[in-house]
């Protein structure tokens, strides 16, 4: 679990970025904290530099929208979901527990019985 910041340091409507296994964006959406992988799944752009609207973030590069609750894209051009992470606020500190990456099979193992 990563300590990201003090809850009072991240005002509603703001975001911050930290690097774990990949860059992670943490958003304060009207007092509810969300964490997702920071890189847009459509093209390399930092979502922490995007525009927050409720619990949705708009990518600053091509305007793809993502639901911070599920990571799901809310329309084109993005088609793949973001990895979401559990957020815990304890003692005034925002913590993020990373969700493990899915295991990807190497190409030569595909279709093997």
Protein backbone atom coordinates (compact mmCIF):
# COMPACT_ATOMS: atom_id res chain seq x y z
CA UNK A 1 0.00 0.00 0.00
CA UNK A 2 1.33 3.44 -0.95
CA UNK A 3 0.82 6.63 1.07
CA UNK A 4 0.07 9.23 -1.60
CA UNK A 5 -0.73 12.50 0.16
CA UNK A 6 -2.72 14.08 2.96
CA UNK A 7 -6.43 14.16 2.09
CA UNK A 8 -6.57 17.91 2.74
CA UNK A 9 -3.75 18.48 0.22
CA UNK A 10 -5.89 17.18 -2.68
CA UNK A 11 -8.88 19.49 -3.04
CA UNK A 12 -12.10 18.39 -4.76
CA UNK A 13 -11.64 18.49 -8.53
CA UNK A 14 -7.88 18.01 -8.32
CA UNK A 15 -5.58 15.10 -9.04
CA UNK A 16 -2.05 13.98 -8.30
CA UNK A 17 0.31 11.46 -9.85
CA UNK A 18 2.81 9.04 -8.36
CA UNK A 19 4.87 6.23 -9.82
CA UNK A 20 4.52 2.64 -8.60
CA UNK A 21 4.84 -0.24 -11.09
CA UNK A 22 3.38 2.29 -13.55
CA UNK A 23 2.28 5.91 -13.11
CA UNK A 24 -0.91 6.15 -11.01
CA UNK A 25 -3.38 9.05 -10.97
CA UNK A 26 -5.37 9.82 -7.81
CA UNK A 27 -8.45 12.04 -8.12
CA UNK A 28 -10.63 13.79 -5.57
CA UNK A 29 -14.11 13.74 -7.10
CA UNK A 30 -16.19 15.84 -4.72
CA UNK A 31 -14.63 14.25 -1.63
CA UNK A 32 -14.45 10.69 -2.98
CA UNK A 33 -10.95 9.52 -3.89
CA UNK A 34 -10.28 7.30 -6.92
CA UNK A 35 -7.05 5.83 -8.30
CA UNK A 36 -6.42 4.54 -11.82
CA UNK A 37 -3.42 3.87 -14.04
CA UNK A 38 -2.40 7.33 -15.22
CA UNK A 39 -1.87 6.50 -18.90
CA UNK A 40 -4.80 6.69 -21.31
CA UNK A 41 -5.45 3.33 -22.99
CA UNK A 42 -6.03 5.04 -26.35
CA UNK A 43 -2.68 6.80 -26.60
CA UNK A 44 0.09 7.78 -24.20
CA UNK A 45 -1.30 10.75 -22.29
CA UNK A 46 -1.35 11.49 -18.58
CA UNK A 47 -4.88 11.36 -17.23
CA UNK A 48 -3.85 13.27 -14.11
CA UNK A 49 -3.50 16.24 -16.50
CA UNK A 50 -7.04 15.61 -17.78
CA UNK A 51 -10.35 17.21 -16.93
CA UNK A 52 -12.43 15.85 -14.05
CA UNK A 53 -16.22 15.91 -14.40
CA UNK A 54 -17.95 14.21 -11.50
CA UNK A 55 -16.45 10.71 -11.37
CA UNK A 56 -15.29 10.83 -15.01
CA UNK A 57 -11.94 11.97 -16.34
CA UNK A 58 -11.41 13.28 -19.85
CA UNK A 59 -8.05 12.58 -21.47
CA UNK A 60 -6.33 15.85 -22.41
CA UNK A 61 -5.05 14.44 -25.72
CA UNK A 62 -8.06 13.07 -27.63
CA UNK A 63 -10.97 13.62 -25.21
CA UNK A 64 -11.54 9.96 -24.30
CA UNK A 65 -13.70 9.68 -21.14
CA UNK A 66 -13.19 7.10 -18.40
CA UNK A 67 -15.39 6.24 -15.43
CA UNK A 68 -13.11 6.42 -12.38
CA UNK A 69 -15.31 3.96 -10.48
CA UNK A 70 -14.79 1.10 -12.93
CA UNK A 71 -12.08 2.28 -15.32
CA UNK A 72 -14.46 1.70 -18.24
CA UNK A 73 -14.21 3.99 -21.25
CA UNK A 74 -17.34 6.08 -21.66
CA UNK A 75 -16.94 6.48 -25.41
CA UNK A 76 -14.45 6.62 -28.25
CA UNK A 77 -11.67 6.88 -29.04
CA UNK A 78 -10.66 4.68 -26.05
CA UNK A 79 -11.84 1.07 -26.17
CA UNK A 80 -9.90 -0.56 -23.29
CA UNK A 81 -10.59 0.03 -19.61
CA UNK A 82 -8.11 1.45 -17.16
CA UNK A 83 -6.83 -0.57 -14.22
CA UNK A 84 -8.44 0.80 -11.06
CA UNK A 85 -6.98 0.66 -7.57
CA UNK A 86 -8.43 0.60 -4.06
CA UNK A 87 -8.17 3.88 -2.14
CA UNK A 88 -8.26 4.14 1.64
CA UNK A 89 -8.26 7.37 3.64
CA UNK A 90 -7.02 6.72 7.15
CA UNK A 91 -5.76 9.22 9.70
CA UNK A 92 -6.09 11.98 7.10
CA UNK A 93 -3.74 10.22 4.66
CA UNK A 94 -4.74 8.89 1.23
CA UNK A 95 -3.40 5.37 0.59
CA UNK A 96 -3.56 3.37 -2.65
CA UNK A 97 -3.50 -0.43 -2.81
CA UNK A 98 -2.45 -1.47 -6.31
CA UNK A 99 -4.51 -3.99 -8.22
CA UNK A 100 -2.26 -6.71 -9.66
CA UNK A 101 -1.74 -6.71 -13.41
CA UNK A 102 -3.35 -9.56 -15.29
CA UNK A 103 -0.95 -12.25 -16.37
CA UNK A 104 -0.37 -12.17 -20.12
CA UNK A 105 0.57 -15.36 -21.93
CA UNK A 106 3.56 -15.20 -24.26
CA UNK A 107 2.65 -15.47 -27.94
CA UNK A 108 4.07 -18.96 -28.30
CA UNK A 109 1.79 -20.27 -25.50
CA UNK A 110 -1.43 -19.12 -27.19
CA UNK A 111 -3.61 -21.97 -28.35
CA UNK A 112 -1.50 -24.60 -26.57
CA UNK A 113 -3.48 -27.43 -25.05
